[in-house]
Amino acid sequence: MSLETLIEKPPVVESTSKKFDPDGFNAYVMNTYGRFPLAIERGEGCRLWDTEGRAYLDFVAGIATCTLGHAHPALIETVTQQIKKVHHVSNFYYIPEQGELAKWLVEHSCADKVFFCNSGAEANEAAIKLVRKYAHTKLEFLEQPVILTAKASFHGRTLATVTATGQPKYQKDFQPLMPGFQYVPYNDIRAVENAIADIDEGNRRVAAIMLEPLQGEGGVRPGELEYFLRLRQICDENQILLVFDEVQVGMGRSGKLWGYENLGVEPDIFTSAKGLAGGIPIGAMMCKEFCAVFEPGNHASTFGGNPFACAAALTVLQTIERENILQNVQARGEQLRTKLRAIAAKYPHLFVDVRGWGLIDGMEINSDIALTSIQLVEAAMKAGLLLAPAGPKVLRFVPPLIVSAEEIDEAAQILEKAISTVIAS
């Protein structure tokens, strides 16, 4: 089947499920998501099929999570074998798979120690707790540690991480928020310096700066090299911990294994989740030895680091390494941005910027026009391409890291078709 045929009429296969009933779904599931009218039944590689049998090219990947795409043979084999052995015990006991995964992560990063949990929010919670314990026990028993985070950031949905998130829309109706956070503009070093000077008084001072190397939900905005180099220097000079939230940008998504490698600096603490096990729930908080101050009883997670999730994660990491997937991310990322820039140049009244690293890329819509990212996401979905918004004015492209050159070309053609449809309407 030709590429043009795929775009005009995606293949339809007979569904094996009974007809999906959204009203029945909504009768029982709490209304916490604004869902698109689409029910997914199965996937393979970079494609998904809905319950009606329609095919879609998946450039969402579970929001930068399905590292190896869908139904990857290596992941299927691992989870099948692991579930036959043991899938969960307890951290009362040593878990060999957890030790193997931690060893791999330490050997392939700047970290010395790893704590495992279940999600990005939990990993960031662990980082926040570690910062506070370090401040109370190592920084002259500091009573009121402050963590600086960036405006337009996103760090999670728990009470502490939603407070750390520098976007008021996520905090609305959840007051009182957690104390101990203050926000500064992203990529603005003067704002950081001023905040440190303003906060430092008595037993209240900045204990950590927590940032994303590239802001995902904040509009796919990469960190600036000079900003992060100076940030590392400021932290070293003032005994401030540098914390990176790599939940979305880590695990090869940026074209390097870790986002911080694009910036030439090492964090003291950093977090991972999303792509770590390719869609199996897992999170990790990693740190250097000098700030690894947790002791037994300080922090825990019932499911964190269980054999099933750790075996899956180790397989994902070994597959990235064995199949040179980072090279694919770099090449396909360049190809995608070239395609998107060509589209933006064709519609200069609609788009003002294309940016990103590797396979986390954003296309910014002109703020002076009424068009929104959701409108384009919906139009692309109808044409057979799944995309995600990153705020009201940015389209986000985060396909599986195994995406092919042909699939990048296909996605660009479908996007152009969707844009034409929106313009015509």
Protein backbone atom coordinates (compact mmCIF):
# COMPACT_ATOMS: atom_id res chain seq x y z
CA MET A 1 0.00 0.00 0.00
CA SER A 2 1.44 3.40 -1.01
CA LEU A 3 2.08 6.26 1.41
CA GLU A 4 -0.52 8.37 -0.38
CA THR A 5 -3.14 5.62 0.03
CA LEU A 6 -2.34 5.33 3.73
CA ILE A 7 -2.90 9.04 4.20
CA GLU A 8 -6.13 9.20 2.22
CA LYS A 9 -7.63 6.05 3.67
CA PRO A 10 -5.92 4.42 6.66
CA PRO A 11 -6.34 0.64 6.70
CA VAL A 12 -9.34 -0.65 8.62
CA VAL A 13 -9.17 -4.04 10.30
CA GLU A 14 -11.99 -5.93 11.89
CA SER A 15 -12.18 -5.20 15.60
CA THR A 16 -12.12 -8.08 18.05
CA SER A 17 -13.87 -6.04 20.75
CA LYS A 18 -17.52 -5.41 21.29
CA LYS A 19 -18.58 -1.89 20.33
CA PHE A 20 -17.18 0.66 22.74
CA ASP A 21 -19.74 2.60 24.77
CA PRO A 22 -18.38 5.97 25.98
CA ASP A 23 -21.53 6.66 28.01
CA GLY A 24 -21.07 3.40 29.88
CA PHE A 25 -17.41 4.27 30.47
CA ASN A 26 -18.26 7.73 31.82
CA ALA A 27 -20.92 6.29 34.12
CA TYR A 28 -18.24 4.65 36.24
CA VAL A 29 -14.90 6.41 35.62
CA MET A 30 -14.27 9.69 37.44
CA ASN A 31 -14.24 12.69 35.12
CA THR A 32 -10.61 13.80 35.50
CA TYR A 33 -9.56 13.87 31.85
CA GLY A 34 -10.68 15.77 28.78
CA ARG A 35 -10.66 12.77 26.47
CA PHE A 36 -10.67 12.74 22.68
CA PRO A 37 -13.46 10.59 21.16
CA LEU A 38 -11.18 7.65 20.54
CA ALA A 39 -10.95 4.22 22.18
CA ILE A 40 -7.69 2.37 21.55
CA GLU A 41 -7.75 -1.41 21.20
CA ARG A 42 -4.26 -2.47 20.15
CA GLY A 43 -0.90 -1.29 18.84
CA GLU A 44 2.15 -2.44 16.92
CA GLY A 45 5.34 -0.47 16.37
CA CYS A 46 4.37 3.16 15.83
CA ARG A 47 0.73 2.44 15.01
CA LEU A 48 -2.45 2.13 17.04
CA TRP A 49 -5.88 0.79 16.12
CA ASP A 50 -9.13 1.93 17.66
CA THR A 51 -12.13 -0.23 18.56
CA GLU A 52 -13.63 0.54 15.14
CA GLY A 53 -10.58 -0.88 13.38
CA ARG A 54 -9.15 2.45 12.21
CA ALA A 55 -5.36 2.83 12.16
CA TYR A 56 -3.38 5.81 13.46
CA LEU A 57 0.26 6.82 13.31
CA ASP A 58 1.17 7.37 16.95
CA PHE A 59 3.24 10.50 17.62
CA VAL A 60 2.09 10.69 21.25
CA ALA A 61 3.56 7.39 22.49
CA GLY A 62 1.59 7.55 25.73
CA ILE A 63 3.00 11.09 26.19
CA ALA A 64 6.67 10.31 25.55
CA THR A 65 6.39 6.96 27.32
CA CYS A 66 6.29 4.08 24.82
CA THR A 67 10.02 4.17 24.11
CA LEU A 68 10.06 1.03 21.94
CA GLY A 69 6.61 1.61 20.48
CA HIS A 70 3.84 -0.94 20.90
CA ALA A 71 4.16 -4.73 21.20
CA HIS A 72 7.95 -4.70 20.88
CA PRO A 73 9.22 -8.32 20.76
CA ALA A 74 11.94 -7.80 23.39
CA LEU A 75 9.49 -6.29 25.87
CA ILE A 76 6.90 -8.99 25.17
CA GLU A 77 9.46 -11.70 25.84
CA THR A 78 10.69 -10.09 29.06
CA VAL A 79 7.31 -9.43 30.67
CA THR A 80 6.05 -12.88 29.64
CA GLN A 81 8.99 -14.64 31.25
CA GLN A 82 9.00 -12.40 34.32
CA ILE A 83 5.30 -12.88 35.09
CA LYS A 84 5.94 -16.63 35.05
CA LYS A 85 8.66 -16.22 37.69
CA VAL A 86 7.63 -13.50 40.16
CA HIS A 87 6.03 -10.14 39.48
CA HIS A 88 5.91 -8.58 42.95
CA VAL A 89 7.26 -9.25 46.41
CA SER A 90 8.23 -6.45 48.79
CA ASN A 91 11.17 -4.28 49.60
CA PHE A 92 11.36 -6.26 52.83
CA TYR A 93 13.61 -8.45 50.68
CA TYR A 94 16.41 -8.02 48.15
CA ILE A 95 15.08 -7.91 44.58
CA PRO A 96 17.78 -8.98 42.09
CA GLU A 97 16.11 -7.26 39.11
CA GLN A 98 16.07 -3.98 41.07
CA GLY A 99 19.78 -4.26 41.78
CA GLU A 100 20.56 -4.95 38.11
CA LEU A 101 18.53 -1.96 36.96
CA ALA A 102 20.10 0.35 39.53
CA LYS A 103 23.58 -0.80 38.48
CA TRP A 104 22.81 -0.06 34.82
CA LEU A 105 21.47 3.41 35.64
CA VAL A 106 24.45 4.31 37.82
CA GLU A 107 26.95 3.03 35.24
CA HIS A 108 25.25 5.06 32.49
CA SER A 109 24.74 8.35 34.35
CA CYS A 110 26.29 10.70 36.89
CA ALA A 111 24.28 9.10 39.73
CA ASP A 112 25.62 7.00 42.58
CA LYS A 113 22.34 5.86 44.18
CA VAL A 114 18.81 5.10 42.95
CA PHE A 115 15.39 5.04 44.65
CA PHE A 116 12.56 3.34 42.74
CA CYS A 117 8.88 4.25 42.74
CA ASN A 118 5.97 4.14 40.28
CA SER A 119 5.68 7.44 38.41
CA GLY A 120 7.25 10.77 37.61
CA ALA A 121 5.28 12.58 40.29
CA GLU A 122 6.48 10.06 42.89
CA ALA A 123 10.07 10.40 41.68
CA ASN A 124 9.83 14.19 42.02
CA GLU A 125 8.22 13.82 45.48
CA ALA A 126 11.20 11.70 46.49
CA ALA A 127 13.57 14.38 45.17
CA ILE A 128 11.75 17.08 47.16
CA LYS A 129 11.88 15.01 50.33
CA LEU A 130 15.58 14.28 49.78
CA VAL A 131 16.29 18.01 49.35
CA ARG A 132 14.47 18.82 52.58
CA LYS A 133 16.25 16.13 54.59
CA TYR A 134 19.61 17.24 53.17
CA ALA A 135 18.83 20.84 54.10
CA HIS A 136 17.75 19.95 57.64
CA THR A 137 20.68 17.64 58.34
CA LYS A 138 23.59 18.98 56.25
CA LEU A 139 23.02 22.72 55.81
CA GLU A 140 23.47 23.76 59.44
CA PHE A 141 20.07 22.26 60.28
CA LEU A 142 18.28 24.74 58.02
CA GLU A 143 14.69 25.13 59.29
CA GLN A 144 13.00 26.65 56.23
CA PRO A 145 14.54 25.33 53.00
CA VAL A 146 13.21 26.86 49.77
CA ILE A 147 13.19 25.15 46.38
CA LEU A 148 13.27 27.39 43.31
CA THR A 149 11.35 26.08 40.31
CA ALA A 150 10.56 27.64 36.94
CA LYS A 151 7.45 29.34 35.71
CA ALA A 152 5.68 27.25 33.04
CA SER A 153 7.23 24.08 34.54
CA PHE A 154 5.43 20.82 35.19
CA HIS A 155 6.50 18.40 37.93
CA GLY A 156 3.41 16.31 38.74
CA ARG A 157 -0.06 16.21 40.26
CA THR A 158 0.58 15.36 43.91
CA LEU A 159 0.23 18.23 46.38
CA ALA A 160 3.97 18.86 46.63
CA THR A 161 4.70 18.45 42.91
CA VAL A 162 1.72 20.54 41.81
CA THR A 163 3.07 23.24 44.12
CA ALA A 164 6.49 22.85 42.51
CA THR A 165 4.78 23.23 39.12
CA GLY A 166 4.99 26.87 38.09
CA GLN A 167 1.58 27.02 36.41
CA PRO A 168 -1.37 28.41 38.41
CA LYS A 169 -3.94 26.57 36.27
CA TYR A 170 -2.81 23.27 37.79
CA GLN A 171 -2.98 24.65 41.34
CA LYS A 172 -6.47 26.19 41.19
CA ASP A 173 -8.80 24.93 43.96
CA PHE A 174 -6.05 22.92 45.70
CA GLN A 175 -4.95 25.56 48.21
CA PRO A 176 -3.39 25.72 50.69
CA LEU A 177 -0.36 24.69 48.69
CA MET A 178 2.81 23.31 50.21
CA PRO A 179 5.18 25.94 51.63
CA GLY A 180 8.82 26.16 50.57
CA PHE A 181 8.59 26.87 46.83
CA GLN A 182 9.25 30.00 44.79
CA TYR A 183 9.13 30.50 41.02
CA VAL A 184 11.50 32.19 38.57
CA PRO A 185 11.31 32.62 34.77
CA TYR A 186 12.96 29.79 32.81
CA ASN A 187 16.33 30.52 31.17
CA ASP A 188 16.66 33.79 33.15
CA ILE A 189 19.82 33.64 35.27
CA ARG A 190 19.38 37.14 36.70
CA ALA A 191 16.03 36.09 38.15
CA VAL A 192 17.71 33.14 39.89
CA GLU A 193 20.42 35.35 41.36
CA ASN A 194 17.86 37.88 42.59
CA ALA A 195 15.68 35.19 44.15
CA ILE A 196 18.62 33.67 46.04
CA ALA A 197 19.60 37.09 47.37
CA ASP A 198 16.02 37.94 48.39
CA ILE A 199 15.34 34.61 50.12
CA ASP A 200 18.59 34.23 52.06
CA GLU A 201 17.74 35.45 55.55
CA GLY A 202 17.99 33.75 58.94
CA ASN A 203 16.83 30.14 58.79
CA ARG A 204 15.20 30.61 55.38
CA ARG A 205 17.35 30.08 52.31
CA VAL A 206 17.43 28.38 48.91
CA ALA A 207 18.33 24.72 49.34
CA ALA A 208 17.71 23.54 45.76
CA ILE A 209 16.87 24.63 42.24
CA MET A 210 14.59 22.16 40.45
CA LEU A 211 14.25 22.45 36.67
CA GLU A 212 13.47 20.50 33.52
CA PRO A 213 16.40 20.50 31.06
CA LEU A 214 13.69 21.06 28.45
CA GLN A 215 10.21 22.17 29.49
CA GLY A 216 7.69 19.70 28.07
CA GLU A 217 4.21 20.73 29.19
CA GLY A 218 5.43 24.33 29.24
CA GLY A 219 5.67 24.40 25.44
CA VAL A 220 8.67 22.21 24.49
CA ARG A 221 11.20 24.87 25.48
CA PRO A 222 14.86 23.72 25.61
CA GLY A 223 17.19 24.97 28.30
CA GLU A 224 19.90 27.39 27.20
CA LEU A 225 23.48 26.18 27.55
CA GLU A 226 24.91 29.35 29.12
CA TYR A 227 22.04 29.52 31.60
CA PHE A 228 22.58 25.98 32.87
CA LEU A 229 26.37 26.33 33.01
CA ARG A 230 26.02 29.43 35.18
CA LEU A 231 23.34 27.70 37.25
CA ARG A 232 25.73 24.87 38.09
CA GLN A 233 28.33 27.43 39.15
CA ILE A 234 25.85 29.28 41.37
CA CYS A 235 24.77 26.04 43.04
CA ASP A 236 28.37 25.04 43.74
CA GLU A 237 29.18 28.44 45.22
CA ASN A 238 26.14 28.53 47.50
CA GLN A 239 25.72 24.90 48.63
CA ILE A 240 22.51 24.63 46.61
CA LEU A 241 21.42 21.28 45.19
CA LEU A 242 20.74 21.22 41.45
CA VAL A 243 17.75 18.97 40.69
CA PHE A 244 16.69 17.98 37.17
CA ASP A 245 13.25 16.64 36.33
CA GLU A 246 14.01 14.27 33.43
CA VAL A 247 10.66 12.48 33.58
CA GLN A 248 9.77 13.45 30.01
CA VAL A 249 13.07 14.41 28.41
CA GLY A 250 15.23 11.55 29.72
CA MET A 251 15.65 7.95 28.56
CA GLY A 252 16.94 8.82 25.09
CA ARG A 253 14.07 11.15 24.18
CA SER A 254 16.47 14.08 23.64
CA GLY A 255 18.86 12.13 21.41
CA LYS A 256 21.13 11.48 24.37
CA LEU A 257 20.34 9.10 27.21
CA TRP A 258 19.82 12.03 29.63
CA GLY A 259 18.67 15.54 28.92
CA TYR A 260 21.46 17.01 31.05
CA GLU A 261 24.00 15.70 28.54
CA ASN A 262 22.73 18.33 26.08
CA LEU A 263 23.66 21.07 28.55
CA GLY A 264 27.16 20.07 29.65
CA VAL A 265 26.29 20.01 33.35
CA GLU A 266 25.59 17.28 35.89
CA PRO A 267 22.73 17.56 38.39
CA ASP A 268 23.07 16.47 42.00
CA ILE A 269 19.64 14.81 41.88
CA PHE A 270 17.54 13.85 38.86
CA THR A 271 14.37 11.92 38.17
CA SER A 272 13.09 9.55 35.51
CA ALA A 273 9.82 7.75 34.75
CA LYS A 274 7.71 7.80 31.54
CA GLY A 275 10.02 6.10 29.02
CA LEU A 276 12.08 4.20 31.59
CA ALA A 277 10.17 0.92 31.17
CA GLY A 278 8.53 1.71 27.85
CA GLY A 279 5.02 1.99 29.29
CA ILE A 280 5.23 -0.27 32.35
CA PRO A 281 4.74 1.98 35.42
CA ILE A 282 8.03 2.84 37.10
CA GLY A 283 9.83 5.91 38.44
CA ALA A 284 13.34 6.54 39.67
CA MET A 285 15.01 9.25 41.74
CA MET A 286 18.78 9.26 41.34
CA CYS A 287 21.41 11.24 43.21
CA LYS A 288 25.08 11.62 43.94
CA GLU A 289 26.62 10.03 47.02
CA PHE A 290 27.09 13.24 49.00
CA CYS A 291 23.35 13.98 49.11
CA ALA A 292 22.08 10.38 49.44
CA VAL A 293 20.88 11.06 52.98
CA PHE A 294 17.79 8.84 53.10
CA GLU A 295 17.86 6.18 55.81
CA PRO A 296 15.55 3.18 56.46
CA GLY A 297 12.09 4.49 57.25
CA ASN A 298 12.57 7.90 55.59
CA HIS A 299 10.84 7.01 52.33
CA ALA A 300 9.26 3.97 50.71
CA SER A 301 7.00 2.62 47.96
CA THR A 302 5.05 -0.64 48.05
CA PHE A 303 5.32 -1.26 44.32
CA GLY A 304 8.55 0.66 43.76
CA GLY A 305 11.28 -1.40 42.13
CA ASN A 306 9.27 -4.60 41.89
CA PRO A 307 10.67 -7.43 39.74
CA PHE A 308 8.18 -6.97 36.90
CA ALA A 309 8.76 -3.25 36.34
CA CYS A 310 12.52 -3.49 36.80
CA ALA A 311 12.87 -6.37 34.35
CA ALA A 312 10.90 -4.38 31.77
CA ALA A 313 13.00 -1.26 32.33
CA LEU A 314 16.27 -3.16 32.04
CA THR A 315 15.11 -4.63 28.73
CA VAL A 316 14.19 -1.18 27.40
CA LEU A 317 17.60 0.22 28.36
CA GLN A 318 19.52 -2.73 26.95
CA THR A 319 17.53 -2.51 23.71
CA ILE A 320 18.29 1.21 23.38
CA GLU A 321 21.98 0.36 23.77
CA ARG A 322 22.06 -2.79 21.65
CA GLU A 323 20.09 -1.39 18.70
CA ASN A 324 21.78 2.04 18.66
CA ILE A 325 18.40 3.70 19.10
CA LEU A 326 19.95 7.02 20.17
CA GLN A 327 21.38 7.37 16.65
CA ASN A 328 17.88 6.88 15.26
CA VAL A 329 16.50 9.51 17.65
CA GLN A 330 19.08 12.04 16.49
CA ALA A 331 18.54 11.35 12.79
CA ARG A 332 14.75 11.18 12.93
CA GLY A 333 14.63 14.27 15.13
CA GLU A 334 16.57 16.29 12.57
CA GLN A 335 14.35 14.94 9.82
CA LEU A 336 11.18 15.80 11.74
CA ARG A 337 12.26 19.36 12.55
CA THR A 338 13.26 19.91 8.91
CA LYS A 339 9.80 18.77 7.80
CA LEU A 340 8.04 20.90 10.41
CA ARG A 341 10.08 23.98 9.50
CA ALA A 342 9.14 23.51 5.85
CA ILE A 343 5.46 23.36 6.84
CA ALA A 344 5.84 26.42 9.08
CA ALA A 345 7.46 28.32 6.19
CA LYS A 346 4.54 27.35 3.97
CA TYR A 347 2.08 28.73 6.54
CA PRO A 348 3.95 31.70 8.09
CA HIS A 349 0.70 33.28 9.32
CA LEU A 350 -0.03 30.15 11.39
CA PHE A 351 3.32 29.14 12.91
CA VAL A 352 6.09 31.13 14.58
CA ASP A 353 8.60 28.53 15.76
CA VAL A 354 9.74 24.90 15.60
CA ARG A 355 12.01 23.70 18.41
CA GLY A 356 13.12 20.70 20.42
CA TRP A 357 15.73 18.04 21.00
CA GLY A 358 15.76 14.58 19.47
CA LEU A 359 12.21 13.26 19.36
CA ILE A 360 10.58 15.79 21.65
CA ASP A 361 9.65 18.63 19.35
CA GLY A 362 7.19 21.48 19.38
CA MET A 363 5.52 23.63 16.72
CA GLU A 364 4.32 26.97 18.07
CA ILE A 365 1.15 28.56 16.72
CA ASN A 366 0.92 32.31 16.22
CA SER A 367 -0.56 33.83 19.39
CA ASP A 368 -2.29 36.54 17.34
CA ILE A 369 -4.67 34.10 15.68
CA ALA A 370 -7.56 32.10 17.14
CA LEU A 371 -6.22 28.68 16.09
CA THR A 372 -5.35 26.39 19.04
CA SER A 373 -3.21 23.31 19.40
CA ILE A 374 -6.30 21.26 20.31
CA GLN A 375 -7.94 22.13 16.98
CA LEU A 376 -4.92 20.87 15.07
CA VAL A 377 -4.65 17.77 17.26
CA GLU A 378 -8.29 16.93 16.48
CA ALA A 379 -7.84 17.53 12.75
CA ALA A 380 -4.69 15.38 12.66
CA MET A 381 -6.48 12.61 14.58
CA LYS A 382 -9.28 12.55 12.01
CA ALA A 383 -6.63 12.24 9.29
CA GLY A 384 -4.88 9.36 11.05
CA LEU A 385 -2.09 11.03 13.07
CA LEU A 386 -2.04 11.24 16.87
CA LEU A 387 -0.39 14.34 18.33
CA ALA A 388 -0.40 15.97 21.77
CA PRO A 389 -0.79 19.61 22.78
CA ALA A 390 1.82 21.30 24.98
CA GLY A 391 -0.30 24.19 26.11
CA PRO A 392 -2.90 26.03 24.00
CA LYS A 393 -0.46 27.17 21.32
CA VAL A 394 2.10 24.38 20.86
CA LEU A 395 1.79 21.07 19.01
CA ARG A 396 3.97 18.36 20.57
CA PHE A 397 5.59 15.53 18.58
CA VAL A 398 6.88 12.64 20.75
CA PRO A 399 6.78 9.42 18.68
CA PRO A 400 8.32 6.14 19.83
CA LEU A 401 12.11 6.25 19.60
CA ILE A 402 12.02 3.49 16.97
CA VAL A 403 10.11 5.65 14.47
CA SER A 404 11.31 5.23 10.87
CA ALA A 405 12.19 7.80 8.21
CA GLU A 406 9.13 6.69 6.22
CA GLU A 407 6.89 7.27 9.22
CA ILE A 408 8.31 10.78 9.73
CA ASP A 409 7.51 11.55 6.08
CA GLU A 410 4.03 10.11 6.51
CA ALA A 411 3.37 12.15 9.64
CA ALA A 412 4.41 15.37 7.89
CA GLN A 413 2.09 14.66 4.97
CA ILE A 414 -0.84 13.88 7.27
CA LEU A 415 -0.17 17.06 9.25
CA GLU A 416 -0.25 19.14 6.07
CA LYS A 417 -3.55 17.55 5.15
CA ALA A 418 -4.94 18.34 8.61
CA ILE A 419 -3.77 21.96 8.38
CA SER A 420 -5.43 22.34 4.98
CA THR A 421 -8.66 20.95 6.43
CA VAL A 422 -8.58 23.43 9.32
CA ILE A 423 -7.87 26.37 7.01
CA ALA A 424 -10.69 25.33 4.68
CA SER A 425 -13.16 25.19 7.55
